[in-house]
N, C-alpha and C. Protein backbone atom coordinates (compact mmCIF):
# COMPACT_ATOMS: atom_id res chain seq x y z
N UNK A 1 0.67 -1.44 -0.05
CA UNK A 1 -0.31 0.23 0.02
C UNK A 1 0.99 1.35 0.07
N UNK A 2 0.94 2.19 -1.20
CA UNK A 2 1.25 3.32 -0.88
C UNK A 2 0.86 4.56 -0.18
N UNK A 3 2.14 4.87 0.72
CA UNK A 3 2.18 5.84 1.78
C UNK A 3 1.28 7.20 0.85
N UNK A 4 0.00 7.34 2.23
CA UNK A 4 -0.47 9.06 1.55
C UNK A 4 0.41 10.33 1.60
N UNK A 5 0.82 10.69 0.70
CA UNK A 5 1.75 11.84 0.74
C UNK A 5 1.48 13.13 0.76
N UNK A 6 1.91 14.16 1.62
CA UNK A 6 1.34 15.58 2.35
C UNK A 6 1.30 16.56 1.21
N UNK A 7 0.09 17.17 1.32
CA UNK A 7 -0.12 17.80 0.19
C UNK A 7 1.04 18.91 -0.37
N UNK A 8 0.92 18.96 -1.33
CA UNK A 8 2.08 19.97 -2.21
C UNK A 8 1.04 20.96 -3.12
N UNK A 9 2.12 21.96 -3.43
CA UNK A 9 1.38 22.93 -4.31
C UNK A 9 2.09 22.94 -5.20
N UNK A 10 1.79 22.15 -6.37
CA UNK A 10 2.03 22.06 -7.63
C UNK A 10 2.24 23.11 -8.48
N UNK A 11 1.46 24.23 -8.51
CA UNK A 11 1.42 25.14 -9.54
C UNK A 11 0.79 26.08 -8.54
N UNK A 12 1.16 27.61 -9.23
CA UNK A 12 0.44 28.25 -8.40
C UNK A 12 0.92 29.87 -9.56
N UNK A 13 -0.16 30.27 -10.31
CA UNK A 13 -0.01 31.18 -11.42
C UNK A 13 -1.06 32.56 -10.78
N UNK A 14 -0.44 33.63 -11.60
CA UNK A 14 -1.27 34.76 -11.63
C UNK A 14 -1.40 35.06 -13.07
N UNK A 15 -2.79 35.41 -13.44
CA UNK A 15 -3.65 35.89 -14.56
C UNK A 15 -3.79 37.26 -14.53
N UNK A 16 -3.72 38.11 -16.02
CA UNK A 16 -4.19 39.37 -16.14
C UNK A 16 -4.74 39.78 -17.31
N UNK A 17 -5.95 40.10 -17.77
CA UNK A 17 -6.70 39.78 -18.83
C UNK A 17 -7.56 41.24 -19.02
N UNK A 18 -7.14 42.13 -20.18
CA UNK A 18 -8.32 43.13 -20.31
C UNK A 18 -8.36 43.24 -21.70
N UNK A 19 -9.47 44.15 -22.14
CA UNK A 19 -10.00 44.42 -23.50
C UNK A 19 -10.06 45.57 -23.85
N UNK A 20 -10.01 45.96 -25.17
CA UNK A 20 -9.93 47.39 -25.31
C UNK A 20 -10.31 47.61 -26.89
N UNK A 21 -10.58 48.65 -27.30
CA UNK A 21 -11.22 49.07 -28.61
C UNK A 21 -12.65 49.86 -28.86
N UNK A 22 -13.01 50.36 -29.62
CA UNK A 22 -14.36 50.96 -29.72
C UNK A 22 -15.51 50.04 -29.56
N UNK A 23 -15.57 48.72 -30.08
CA UNK A 23 -16.53 47.77 -29.56
C UNK A 23 -16.76 47.05 -28.56
N UNK A 24 -15.91 47.44 -27.45
CA UNK A 24 -15.88 46.91 -26.36
C UNK A 24 -16.97 47.89 -25.43
N UNK A 25 -17.96 47.32 -24.89
CA UNK A 25 -18.88 48.48 -23.96
C UNK A 25 -18.61 48.70 -22.59
N UNK A 26 -18.34 47.48 -21.81
CA UNK A 26 -17.65 47.44 -20.83
C UNK A 26 -16.53 47.23 -20.42
N UNK A 27 -15.56 48.07 -20.66
CA UNK A 27 -13.93 47.71 -20.50
C UNK A 27 -13.95 47.45 -19.35
N UNK A 28 -12.74 46.47 -18.83
CA UNK A 28 -12.40 46.31 -17.48
C UNK A 28 -10.69 45.38 -17.53
N UNK A 29 -10.35 45.43 -16.21
CA UNK A 29 -9.46 44.66 -15.82
C UNK A 29 -9.99 43.26 -15.02
N UNK A 30 -9.37 42.20 -15.55
CA UNK A 30 -9.70 41.25 -14.88
C UNK A 30 -8.53 40.53 -14.35
N UNK A 31 -8.20 39.97 -13.05
CA UNK A 31 -6.79 39.88 -12.59
C UNK A 31 -7.05 38.67 -11.48
N UNK A 32 -6.23 37.38 -11.25
CA UNK A 32 -6.36 36.70 -10.25
C UNK A 32 -5.44 35.57 -10.42
N UNK A 33 -5.73 34.48 -9.33
CA UNK A 33 -4.83 33.64 -9.06
C UNK A 33 -5.32 32.02 -9.10
N UNK A 34 -4.57 31.26 -9.38
CA UNK A 34 -5.23 29.78 -9.57
C UNK A 34 -3.91 28.97 -9.23
N UNK A 35 -4.35 27.92 -8.71
CA UNK A 35 -3.20 26.91 -7.95
C UNK A 35 -3.75 25.62 -8.47
N UNK A 36 -2.86 24.52 -8.24
CA UNK A 36 -3.11 23.61 -8.58
C UNK A 36 -2.44 22.84 -7.31
N UNK A 37 -3.41 21.64 -6.52
CA UNK A 37 -2.68 21.21 -5.14
C UNK A 37 -3.12 19.65 -5.32
N UNK A 38 -1.83 18.92 -4.59
CA UNK A 38 -1.78 17.59 -5.25
C UNK A 38 -1.83 17.44 -3.40
N UNK A 39 -2.94 16.62 -3.29
CA UNK A 39 -3.07 15.89 -1.80
C UNK A 39 -2.39 14.33 -1.94
N UNK A 40 -2.29 13.58 -2.87
CA UNK A 40 -1.30 12.38 -2.64
C UNK A 40 -2.45 11.39 -3.71
N UNK A 41 -1.93 9.97 -3.58
CA UNK A 41 -2.92 9.24 -3.97
C UNK A 41 -3.72 9.40 -5.02
N UNK A 42 -3.20 10.39 -6.57
CA UNK A 42 -4.01 11.10 -7.22
C UNK A 42 -5.35 11.75 -6.80
N UNK A 43 -5.04 12.55 -5.99
CA UNK A 43 -6.13 13.64 -5.57
C UNK A 43 -5.82 14.72 -6.01
N UNK A 44 -6.49 15.68 -6.28
CA UNK A 44 -6.46 16.95 -6.82
C UNK A 44 -7.32 18.36 -6.71
N UNK A 45 -6.87 19.08 -6.44
CA UNK A 45 -7.38 20.50 -5.88
C UNK A 45 -7.29 21.78 -6.81
N UNK A 46 -7.84 21.87 -7.47
CA UNK A 46 -7.53 23.00 -8.36
C UNK A 46 -8.39 24.39 -8.40
N UNK A 47 -8.57 25.44 -7.21
CA UNK A 47 -8.87 26.41 -7.34
C UNK A 47 -8.69 27.70 -8.05
N UNK A 48 -9.48 28.67 -8.42
CA UNK A 48 -8.94 29.99 -9.35
C UNK A 48 -10.01 30.92 -8.85
N UNK A 49 -9.41 31.91 -8.09
CA UNK A 49 -10.69 33.33 -8.30
C UNK A 49 -10.15 34.37 -8.99
N UNK A 50 -10.98 34.92 -9.41
CA UNK A 50 -10.86 36.25 -10.35
C UNK A 50 -11.65 37.41 -10.26
N UNK A 51 -10.71 38.74 -10.09
CA UNK A 51 -11.33 39.61 -9.91
C UNK A 51 -11.51 40.57 -10.96
N UNK A 52 -12.94 40.88 -11.37
CA UNK A 52 -13.34 41.94 -12.81
C UNK A 52 -13.74 42.99 -12.47
N UNK A 53 -12.53 44.02 -12.39
CA UNK A 53 -12.64 45.29 -12.02
C UNK A 53 -13.36 46.19 -13.36
N UNK A 54 -14.72 46.56 -13.37
CA UNK A 54 -15.31 47.10 -14.55
C UNK A 54 -16.14 48.03 -13.53
N UNK A 55 -17.39 48.65 -14.37
CA UNK A 55 -18.18 49.42 -14.12
C UNK A 55 -19.31 48.47 -13.24
N UNK A 56 -19.30 46.81 -13.24
CA UNK A 56 -19.56 46.26 -12.35
C UNK A 56 -18.99 45.51 -11.91
N UNK A 57 -18.46 45.48 -11.09
CA UNK A 57 -17.14 44.93 -10.61
C UNK A 57 -17.74 43.27 -9.93
N UNK A 58 -17.04 42.52 -10.13
CA UNK A 58 -17.49 41.20 -9.35
C UNK A 58 -16.30 40.15 -9.21
N UNK A 59 -16.56 39.32 -8.77
CA UNK A 59 -15.39 38.11 -8.29
C UNK A 59 -16.23 36.97 -9.34
N UNK A 60 -15.11 36.52 -10.26
CA UNK A 60 -15.43 34.89 -11.18
C UNK A 60 -14.65 34.12 -10.41
N UNK A 61 -14.86 32.59 -10.20
CA UNK A 61 -14.57 31.99 -9.08
C UNK A 61 -14.95 30.32 -9.65
N UNK A 62 -13.76 29.33 -9.81
CA UNK A 62 -14.26 28.12 -9.89
C UNK A 62 -13.19 27.30 -9.10
N UNK A 63 -13.62 25.94 -8.88
CA UNK A 63 -13.08 24.98 -7.99
C UNK A 63 -13.37 23.64 -8.73
N UNK A 64 -12.25 22.76 -8.83
CA UNK A 64 -12.10 21.44 -9.23
C UNK A 64 -11.66 20.46 -8.19
N UNK A 65 -12.21 19.31 -8.26
CA UNK A 65 -11.91 18.34 -7.71
C UNK A 65 -11.44 17.07 -8.61
N UNK A 66 -10.31 16.69 -8.65
CA UNK A 66 -10.14 15.65 -9.41
C UNK A 66 -9.64 14.09 -8.65
N UNK A 67 -9.94 13.07 -9.23
CA UNK A 67 -9.39 11.94 -8.35
C UNK A 67 -9.42 10.75 -9.56
N UNK A 68 -8.09 9.97 -9.59
CA UNK A 68 -8.26 9.00 -10.30
C UNK A 68 -7.38 7.81 -9.76
N UNK A 69 -8.04 6.21 -10.68
CA UNK A 69 -7.74 5.28 -9.89
C UNK A 69 -6.80 4.36 -10.98
N UNK A 70 -5.60 4.12 -10.98
CA UNK A 70 -5.28 3.20 -11.67
C UNK A 70 -5.07 1.77 -11.30
N UNK A 71 -5.92 1.07 -11.96
CA UNK A 71 -6.29 -0.20 -11.54
C UNK A 71 -5.33 -1.38 -12.07
N UNK A 72 -5.26 -2.62 -11.44
CA UNK A 72 -3.85 -3.56 -11.44
C UNK A 72 -3.63 -4.02 -13.24
N UNK A 73 -4.67 -3.89 -13.84
CA UNK A 73 -5.10 -4.05 -15.31
C UNK A 73 -4.56 -3.09 -16.01
N UNK A 74 -3.53 -1.84 -15.67
CA UNK A 74 -3.50 -0.49 -16.28
C UNK A 74 -4.58 0.21 -16.60
N UNK A 75 -5.78 0.18 -16.31
CA UNK A 75 -7.15 0.83 -17.01
C UNK A 75 -7.19 1.81 -15.78
N UNK A 76 -7.80 2.98 -16.19
CA UNK A 76 -7.69 4.16 -15.46
C UNK A 76 -9.06 4.74 -15.37
N UNK A 77 -9.94 5.15 -14.29
CA UNK A 77 -10.73 5.92 -13.87
C UNK A 77 -10.30 7.03 -13.32
N UNK A 78 -11.13 7.75 -14.10
CA UNK A 78 -10.75 9.22 -13.39
C UNK A 78 -12.20 9.96 -12.95
N UNK A 79 -12.39 10.94 -11.78
CA UNK A 79 -13.65 11.36 -11.78
C UNK A 79 -13.25 12.99 -11.26
N UNK A 80 -14.29 13.56 -11.88
CA UNK A 80 -13.90 15.61 -11.64
C UNK A 80 -14.99 15.80 -11.15
N UNK A 81 -15.15 16.88 -10.61
CA UNK A 81 -16.28 17.52 -10.12
C UNK A 81 -15.80 19.20 -10.11
N UNK A 82 -16.49 20.04 -10.85
CA UNK A 82 -15.81 21.60 -10.92
C UNK A 82 -17.35 22.13 -10.77
N UNK A 83 -16.97 23.54 -10.31
CA UNK A 83 -17.92 24.23 -9.89
C UNK A 83 -17.64 25.63 -10.33
N UNK A 84 -18.29 26.66 -11.17
CA UNK A 84 -18.29 27.87 -11.71
C UNK A 84 -18.74 29.03 -10.99
N UNK A 85 -18.54 29.74 -10.25
CA UNK A 85 -19.96 30.71 -10.23
C UNK A 85 -19.12 32.06 -10.17
N UNK A 86 -20.01 32.83 -9.84
CA UNK A 86 -19.79 34.79 -9.81
C UNK A 86 -20.78 35.32 -9.03
N UNK A 87 -20.32 36.36 -8.22
CA UNK A 87 -20.61 37.34 -7.17
C UNK A 87 -20.21 38.66 -7.74
N UNK A 88 -21.61 39.39 -7.56
CA UNK A 88 -21.72 41.00 -8.31
C UNK A 88 -21.74 41.83 -6.62
N UNK A 89 -20.80 42.74 -7.15
CA UNK A 89 -20.77 43.41 -5.75
C UNK A 89 -21.82 44.50 -5.54
N UNK A 90 -22.31 44.80 -7.30
CA UNK A 90 -23.63 45.45 -7.13
C UNK A 90 -24.65 45.44 -7.02
N UNK A 91 -24.88 43.73 -6.90
CA UNK A 91 -26.33 43.33 -7.30
C UNK A 91 -26.79 42.62 -5.91
N UNK A 92 -28.34 42.32 -5.89
CA UNK A 92 -28.76 41.79 -4.67
C UNK A 92 -29.23 40.03 -5.00
N UNK A 93 -28.74 39.64 -6.36
CA UNK A 93 -28.69 38.30 -6.63
C UNK A 93 -27.68 38.21 -7.90
N UNK A 94 -27.47 37.01 -7.81
CA UNK A 94 -26.53 37.06 -9.14
C UNK A 94 -27.09 37.10 -10.25
N UNK A 95 -28.42 37.15 -10.59
CA UNK A 95 -28.97 37.42 -11.81
C UNK A 95 -29.44 38.61 -12.18
N UNK A 96 -29.31 39.60 -11.47
CA UNK A 96 -29.89 40.65 -11.90
C UNK A 96 -29.53 42.23 -10.77
N UNK A 97 -29.47 43.22 -11.19
CA UNK A 97 -29.17 44.31 -10.58
C UNK A 97 -30.00 45.67 -10.84
N UNK A 98 -30.18 46.50 -9.85
CA UNK A 98 -30.90 47.48 -10.38
C UNK A 98 -30.11 48.59 -10.35
N UNK A 99 -30.46 49.84 -11.49
CA UNK A 99 -29.86 50.83 -12.07
C UNK A 99 -30.29 52.18 -11.55
N UNK A 100 -30.11 53.40 -10.37
CA UNK A 100 -30.94 54.37 -10.42
C UNK A 100 -30.09 55.42 -11.15
N UNK A 101 -31.25 55.99 -11.97
CA UNK A 101 -30.79 57.40 -12.82
C UNK A 101 -30.83 58.44 -11.64
N UNK A 102 -29.85 59.01 -11.38
CA UNK A 102 -29.90 60.31 -10.77
C UNK A 102 -30.68 61.61 -11.14
N UNK A 103 -30.76 61.37 -12.33
CA UNK A 103 -31.23 62.66 -13.71
C UNK A 103 -32.80 62.00 -13.37
N UNK A 104 -33.18 61.31 -14.16
CA UNK A 104 -34.45 61.27 -14.19
C UNK A 104 -35.45 60.68 -13.38
N UNK A 105 -34.20 59.79 -11.91
CA UNK A 105 -35.02 59.11 -11.24
C UNK A 105 -35.63 57.71 -11.43
N UNK A 106 -35.27 57.26 -12.75
CA UNK A 106 -35.97 55.96 -13.15
C UNK A 106 -35.25 54.69 -12.91
N UNK A 107 -35.76 54.08 -12.21
CA UNK A 107 -35.18 52.57 -11.81
C UNK A 107 -35.22 51.52 -12.78
N UNK A 108 -33.95 50.90 -13.13
CA UNK A 108 -34.29 50.01 -14.33
C UNK A 108 -33.56 48.67 -13.54
N UNK A 109 -34.04 47.64 -14.03
CA UNK A 109 -33.05 46.46 -13.92
C UNK A 109 -32.62 45.57 -15.05
N UNK A 110 -31.14 45.18 -14.92
CA UNK A 110 -30.58 44.95 -16.18
C UNK A 110 -29.92 43.37 -15.49
N UNK A 111 -29.74 42.59 -16.43
CA UNK A 111 -29.18 41.00 -15.88
C UNK A 111 -27.59 41.44 -15.87
N UNK A 112 -27.13 40.83 -14.85
CA UNK A 112 -25.64 41.30 -14.87
C UNK A 112 -24.77 40.27 -15.84
N UNK A 113 -24.10 40.33 -16.29
CA UNK A 113 -23.18 39.50 -17.23
C UNK A 113 -21.60 39.84 -16.87
N UNK A 114 -20.87 38.90 -17.53
CA UNK A 114 -19.27 39.32 -16.95
C UNK A 114 -18.95 40.31 -18.17
N UNK A 115 -17.95 40.68 -17.61
CA UNK A 115 -17.26 42.16 -18.34
C UNK A 115 -16.39 41.52 -19.31
N UNK A 116 -15.86 40.53 -19.38
CA UNK A 116 -15.31 40.03 -20.28
C UNK A 116 -16.21 39.53 -21.49
N UNK A 117 -15.74 39.89 -22.83
CA UNK A 117 -16.41 39.22 -24.13
C UNK A 117 -15.95 37.88 -24.53
N UNK A 118 -14.50 37.33 -24.01
CA UNK A 118 -14.23 36.33 -24.39
C UNK A 118 -13.78 35.42 -23.45
N UNK A 119 -14.21 34.21 -23.16
CA UNK A 119 -13.44 32.97 -22.38
C UNK A 119 -13.83 31.71 -23.17
N UNK A 120 -12.61 30.74 -22.22
CA UNK A 120 -12.55 29.54 -22.82
C UNK A 120 -13.06 28.31 -21.89
N UNK A 121 -14.24 29.02 -21.24
CA UNK A 121 -14.64 27.44 -19.99
C UNK A 121 -15.44 26.51 -21.04
N UNK A 122 -16.26 26.82 -21.76
CA UNK A 122 -16.90 26.04 -22.74
C UNK A 122 -17.27 24.58 -22.11
N UNK A 123 -18.23 25.05 -21.00
CA UNK A 123 -18.56 23.54 -20.23
C UNK A 123 -19.72 22.96 -21.21
N UNK A 124 -19.06 21.68 -21.51
CA UNK A 124 -20.74 20.81 -22.37
C UNK A 124 -20.27 21.09 -23.69
N UNK A 125 -20.72 19.60 -24.00
CA UNK A 125 -20.36 19.09 -25.80
C UNK A 125 -21.33 20.08 -26.50
N UNK A 126 -22.55 20.55 -26.33
CA UNK A 126 -23.63 21.19 -27.29
C UNK A 126 -23.40 22.43 -26.58
N UNK A 127 -24.12 22.69 -25.56
CA UNK A 127 -24.52 23.94 -24.79
C UNK A 127 -23.02 25.14 -24.71
N UNK A 128 -22.13 24.30 -24.48
CA UNK A 128 -20.85 25.26 -24.53
C UNK A 128 -21.23 26.30 -23.21
N UNK A 129 -21.61 25.97 -22.15
CA UNK A 129 -21.64 26.98 -20.99
C UNK A 129 -20.31 27.57 -20.60
N UNK A 130 -20.62 28.99 -20.56
CA UNK A 130 -19.80 29.98 -20.34
C UNK A 130 -19.79 30.72 -19.44
N UNK A 131 -19.33 32.15 -19.21
CA UNK A 131 -19.59 33.22 -18.31
C UNK A 131 -20.91 33.67 -18.13
N UNK A 132 -21.40 33.87 -19.21
CA UNK A 132 -23.09 33.93 -19.12
C UNK A 132 -23.96 33.38 -18.36
N UNK A 133 -23.61 32.11 -18.64
CA UNK A 133 -24.38 30.96 -17.73
C UNK A 133 -24.41 30.74 -16.45
N UNK A 134 -23.14 31.53 -16.17
CA UNK A 134 -22.96 31.23 -14.67
C UNK A 134 -23.83 31.55 -13.63
N UNK A 135 -24.44 31.03 -12.50
CA UNK A 135 -23.29 29.33 -12.01
C UNK A 135 -23.81 28.27 -12.51
N UNK A 136 -22.64 27.53 -12.24
CA UNK A 136 -22.75 25.97 -12.95
C UNK A 136 -22.17 24.97 -12.23
N UNK A 137 -21.86 23.72 -12.82
CA UNK A 137 -21.48 22.76 -12.16
C UNK A 137 -21.17 21.99 -13.26
N UNK A 138 -20.04 21.07 -13.03
CA UNK A 138 -19.47 19.68 -14.29
C UNK A 138 -19.32 18.71 -13.32
N UNK A 139 -19.93 17.79 -13.88
CA UNK A 139 -19.32 16.50 -13.41
C UNK A 139 -19.10 15.25 -14.29
N UNK A 140 -17.70 14.58 -13.87
CA UNK A 140 -17.80 13.54 -15.42
C UNK A 140 -16.97 12.43 -14.31
N UNK A 141 -17.22 11.45 -15.47
CA UNK A 141 -16.00 10.27 -14.84
C UNK A 141 -15.60 9.47 -16.37
N UNK A 142 -14.52 9.21 -16.15
CA UNK A 142 -13.64 8.77 -17.53
C UNK A 142 -12.97 7.45 -17.45
N UNK A 143 -13.15 6.35 -18.37
CA UNK A 143 -12.55 5.27 -17.97
C UNK A 143 -11.83 5.00 -19.50
N UNK A 144 -10.63 4.67 -19.27
CA UNK A 144 -9.35 4.66 -20.05
C UNK A 144 -9.01 3.05 -20.38
N UNK A 145 -8.67 2.52 -21.35
CA UNK A 145 -8.49 1.17 -21.26
C UNK A 145 -7.37 1.32 -22.32
N UNK A 146 -6.21 1.23 -21.66
CA UNK A 146 -5.03 1.52 -22.90
C UNK A 146 -4.76 0.40 -23.70
N UNK A 147 -4.90 -0.89 -23.22
CA UNK A 147 -4.74 -2.21 -24.01
C UNK A 147 -5.85 -2.01 -25.21
N UNK A 148 -6.93 -1.39 -25.52
CA UNK A 148 -7.64 -1.45 -26.38
C UNK A 148 -7.64 0.12 -26.96
N UNK A 149 -6.86 0.95 -26.31
CA UNK A 149 -6.69 2.27 -26.74
C UNK A 149 -8.12 3.12 -27.18
N UNK A 150 -8.98 2.67 -26.14
CA UNK A 150 -10.34 3.06 -26.05
C UNK A 150 -10.82 3.80 -24.56
N UNK A 151 -11.52 4.64 -24.45
CA UNK A 151 -11.95 5.43 -23.59
C UNK A 151 -13.65 5.78 -23.71
N UNK A 152 -14.15 5.85 -22.73
CA UNK A 152 -15.70 5.82 -22.11
C UNK A 152 -15.68 6.80 -21.25
N UNK A 153 -16.80 8.12 -21.59
CA UNK A 153 -16.85 9.16 -20.81
C UNK A 153 -18.25 9.32 -20.66
N UNK A 154 -18.78 9.85 -19.48
CA UNK A 154 -20.20 10.83 -19.06
C UNK A 154 -19.82 11.81 -18.26
N UNK A 155 -20.79 13.15 -18.90
CA UNK A 155 -20.16 14.22 -18.31
C UNK A 155 -21.62 14.85 -18.08
N UNK A 156 -22.41 15.27 -16.89
CA UNK A 156 -22.88 16.07 -16.87
C UNK A 156 -22.91 17.47 -16.31
N UNK A 157 -23.38 18.69 -16.98
CA UNK A 157 -23.12 20.02 -17.08
C UNK A 157 -24.60 20.56 -16.45
N UNK A 158 -24.67 21.38 -15.73
CA UNK A 158 -26.37 21.96 -15.06
C UNK A 158 -25.98 23.49 -14.78
N UNK A 159 -26.96 24.32 -14.75
CA UNK A 159 -26.91 25.54 -14.58
C UNK A 159 -27.66 25.64 -13.38
N UNK A 160 -27.01 26.43 -12.17
CA UNK A 160 -28.05 26.51 -10.82
C UNK A 160 -28.62 27.66 -11.01
N UNK A 161 -29.56 28.31 -11.21
CA UNK A 161 -30.58 28.97 -11.35
C UNK A 161 -32.18 28.56 -11.45
N UNK A 162 -33.03 29.63 -11.32
CA UNK A 162 -35.04 29.29 -11.55
C UNK A 162 -35.07 28.61 -12.48
N UNK A 163 -34.54 28.09 -13.74
CA UNK A 163 -34.86 27.98 -14.86
C UNK A 163 -33.65 27.58 -15.28
N UNK A 164 -32.97 26.66 -14.39
CA UNK A 164 -31.98 25.98 -15.26
C UNK A 164 -31.77 25.09 -16.70
N UNK A 165 -30.65 25.05 -17.07
CA UNK A 165 -30.34 24.40 -18.41
C UNK A 165 -29.35 23.01 -17.97
N UNK A 166 -29.27 21.97 -18.52
CA UNK A 166 -28.35 21.05 -18.20
C UNK A 166 -28.29 20.51 -19.57
N UNK A 167 -27.13 19.32 -19.55
CA UNK A 167 -26.95 18.38 -20.91
C UNK A 167 -26.08 17.59 -20.23
N UNK A 168 -26.23 16.50 -20.89
CA UNK A 168 -26.01 14.86 -20.43
C UNK A 168 -25.12 14.54 -21.60
N UNK A 169 -23.72 14.18 -21.70
CA UNK A 169 -23.16 13.92 -22.55
C UNK A 169 -22.63 12.43 -22.28
N UNK A 170 -22.65 11.65 -23.66
CA UNK A 170 -21.60 10.50 -23.34
C UNK A 170 -20.92 10.27 -24.41
N UNK A 171 -19.61 9.60 -24.12
CA UNK A 171 -18.31 9.65 -25.51
C UNK A 171 -17.72 8.81 -25.21
N UNK A 172 -17.61 8.09 -26.50
CA UNK A 172 -17.08 6.74 -26.58
C UNK A 172 -15.67 7.09 -27.70
N UNK A 173 -14.69 6.88 -27.18
CA UNK A 173 -13.66 6.90 -28.34
C UNK A 173 -12.34 6.27 -28.57
N UNK A 174 -11.35 5.86 -29.60
CA UNK A 174 -10.84 4.82 -29.98
C UNK A 174 -9.59 5.07 -30.60
N UNK A 175 -8.31 4.86 -30.64
CA UNK A 175 -7.66 5.45 -31.39
C UNK A 175 -7.04 4.37 -32.33
N UNK A 176 -6.83 4.81 -33.12
CA UNK A 176 -6.40 3.72 -34.83
C UNK A 176 -5.10 4.28 -35.00
N UNK A 177 -3.86 3.26 -35.19
CA UNK A 177 -2.53 3.57 -35.64
C UNK A 177 -2.11 4.55 -34.89
N UNK A 178 -2.00 4.64 -33.59
CA UNK A 178 -1.48 5.63 -33.03
C UNK A 178 -1.56 6.94 -33.62
N UNK A 179 -2.28 7.08 -34.41
CA UNK A 179 -2.70 8.69 -35.02
C UNK A 179 -4.14 9.10 -35.46
N UNK A 180 -4.83 8.41 -35.68
CA UNK A 180 -6.29 8.67 -35.57
C UNK A 180 -7.31 8.26 -34.58
N UNK A 181 -7.89 9.76 -34.08
CA UNK A 181 -8.52 9.29 -32.65
C UNK A 181 -10.14 9.04 -33.35
N UNK A 182 -10.97 8.45 -33.02
CA UNK A 182 -12.35 8.57 -33.30
C UNK A 182 -13.14 8.95 -32.22
N UNK A 183 -13.97 9.55 -32.05
CA UNK A 183 -14.71 10.24 -30.66
C UNK A 183 -16.60 10.22 -31.45
N UNK A 184 -17.27 9.43 -31.02
CA UNK A 184 -18.38 9.07 -31.30
C UNK A 184 -18.93 9.91 -29.95
N UNK A 185 -20.15 10.93 -29.80
CA UNK A 185 -20.64 11.72 -28.80
C UNK A 185 -22.41 11.40 -28.90
N UNK A 186 -22.83 11.23 -27.92
CA UNK A 186 -24.40 11.48 -27.90
C UNK A 186 -24.45 12.41 -26.66
N UNK A 187 -25.52 13.32 -26.80
CA UNK A 187 -25.70 14.64 -25.97
C UNK A 187 -27.10 14.69 -25.76
N UNK A 188 -27.84 14.82 -24.60
CA UNK A 188 -29.13 15.15 -24.31
C UNK A 188 -29.31 16.48 -23.93
N UNK A 189 -30.06 17.27 -24.03
CA UNK A 189 -29.89 18.82 -23.95
C UNK A 189 -31.56 18.95 -23.27
N UNK A 190 -31.57 19.69 -22.17
CA UNK A 190 -32.85 19.71 -21.23
C UNK A 190 -32.61 21.40 -21.01
N UNK A 191 -33.42 22.18 -21.86
CA UNK A 191 -33.27 23.88 -22.06
C UNK A 191 -34.49 24.18 -21.71
N UNK A 192 -35.20 25.28 -20.83
CA UNK A 192 -36.56 25.83 -21.20
C UNK A 192 -36.77 26.75 -22.35
N UNK A 193 -35.30 27.40 -23.02
CA UNK A 193 -35.44 27.91 -24.05
C UNK A 193 -35.87 27.19 -25.14
N UNK A 194 -35.89 25.75 -25.33
CA UNK A 194 -36.18 25.09 -26.26
C UNK A 194 -37.50 24.25 -26.21
N UNK A 195 -37.71 24.59 -27.45
CA UNK A 195 -39.39 23.88 -27.84
C UNK A 195 -39.40 22.37 -27.40
N UNK A 196 -38.62 21.75 -28.05
CA UNK A 196 -38.08 20.55 -28.07
C UNK A 196 -36.80 19.96 -27.24
N UNK A 197 -36.89 19.27 -26.74
CA UNK A 197 -35.51 19.12 -25.82
C UNK A 197 -34.77 17.42 -26.66
N UNK A 198 -33.81 18.18 -27.37
CA UNK A 198 -32.81 17.25 -28.62
C UNK A 198 -32.15 16.13 -27.97
N UNK A 199 -31.84 15.37 -28.91
CA UNK A 199 -31.22 14.11 -28.80
C UNK A 199 -30.08 14.06 -29.84
N UNK A 200 -28.61 14.71 -29.29
CA UNK A 200 -27.47 14.87 -30.38
C UNK A 200 -26.76 13.72 -30.53
N UNK A 201 -26.23 13.79 -32.04
CA UNK A 201 -25.02 13.05 -32.24
C UNK A 201 -23.72 13.35 -32.90
N UNK A 202 -22.66 13.37 -32.88
CA UNK A 202 -21.59 13.42 -33.12
C UNK A 202 -20.52 12.73 -33.24
N UNK A 203 -19.64 12.39 -34.69
CA UNK A 203 -18.76 11.50 -34.38
C UNK A 203 -17.68 12.91 -35.05
N UNK A 204 -16.50 12.55 -34.50
CA UNK A 204 -15.44 13.26 -34.48
C UNK A 204 -14.01 12.51 -34.94
N UNK A 205 -13.31 13.10 -35.79
CA UNK A 205 -12.54 12.39 -36.21
C UNK A 205 -10.92 13.00 -36.27
N UNK A 206 -10.14 12.85 -35.34
CA UNK A 206 -8.56 13.92 -35.35
C UNK A 206 -7.52 13.14 -35.69
N UNK A 207 -6.89 13.55 -36.55
CA UNK A 207 -5.44 12.78 -36.97
C UNK A 207 -4.45 13.65 -36.46
N UNK A 208 -3.68 12.79 -35.96
CA UNK A 208 -2.21 13.39 -35.46
C UNK A 208 -1.20 13.40 -36.73
N UNK A 209 -0.92 14.23 -37.03
CA UNK A 209 0.20 13.98 -38.01
C UNK A 209 2.03 13.84 -37.64
């Protein structure tokens, strides 16, 4: 039995992101820190906290927990749970905030959204949840069989809102000739914005030169 290792800070990083130009309505600066912490026995904790300094300042944060099991037959099973959220300093809730016009006295309610127009969260195969969809969580399990060069993955993504959208993805992949990867994906979408809840299929080919 392998001894449990003490927690180790594997990675610490600083990030800074800004946008500029006449097309940017709410320009701001986003800065933050991210960490990769290993707890031993293939346990990982990966937090990230970002501060968005704009006309609507907020905190964007995420936390991932990974655990992998490697079996005696070299097969590997990996579990991951991730939470993505955002807290606005000027709003009573994460969905909307009130703006008071000091001249006209008119009170308007607007939906909060991240200042950044670009992000690469893209959680989910079909819906591709990103910063406008916060908060949401992702849970996945992936089993890999190296002898067959095959993997099977289940992933569930769900918004944490009053009318949430969610997505269930099942992916089966196999590698051929050490160069060609074939992924077959099934996705079931449940969203209040859709008239029908679709069942979608996709086949993806990746060739490594």
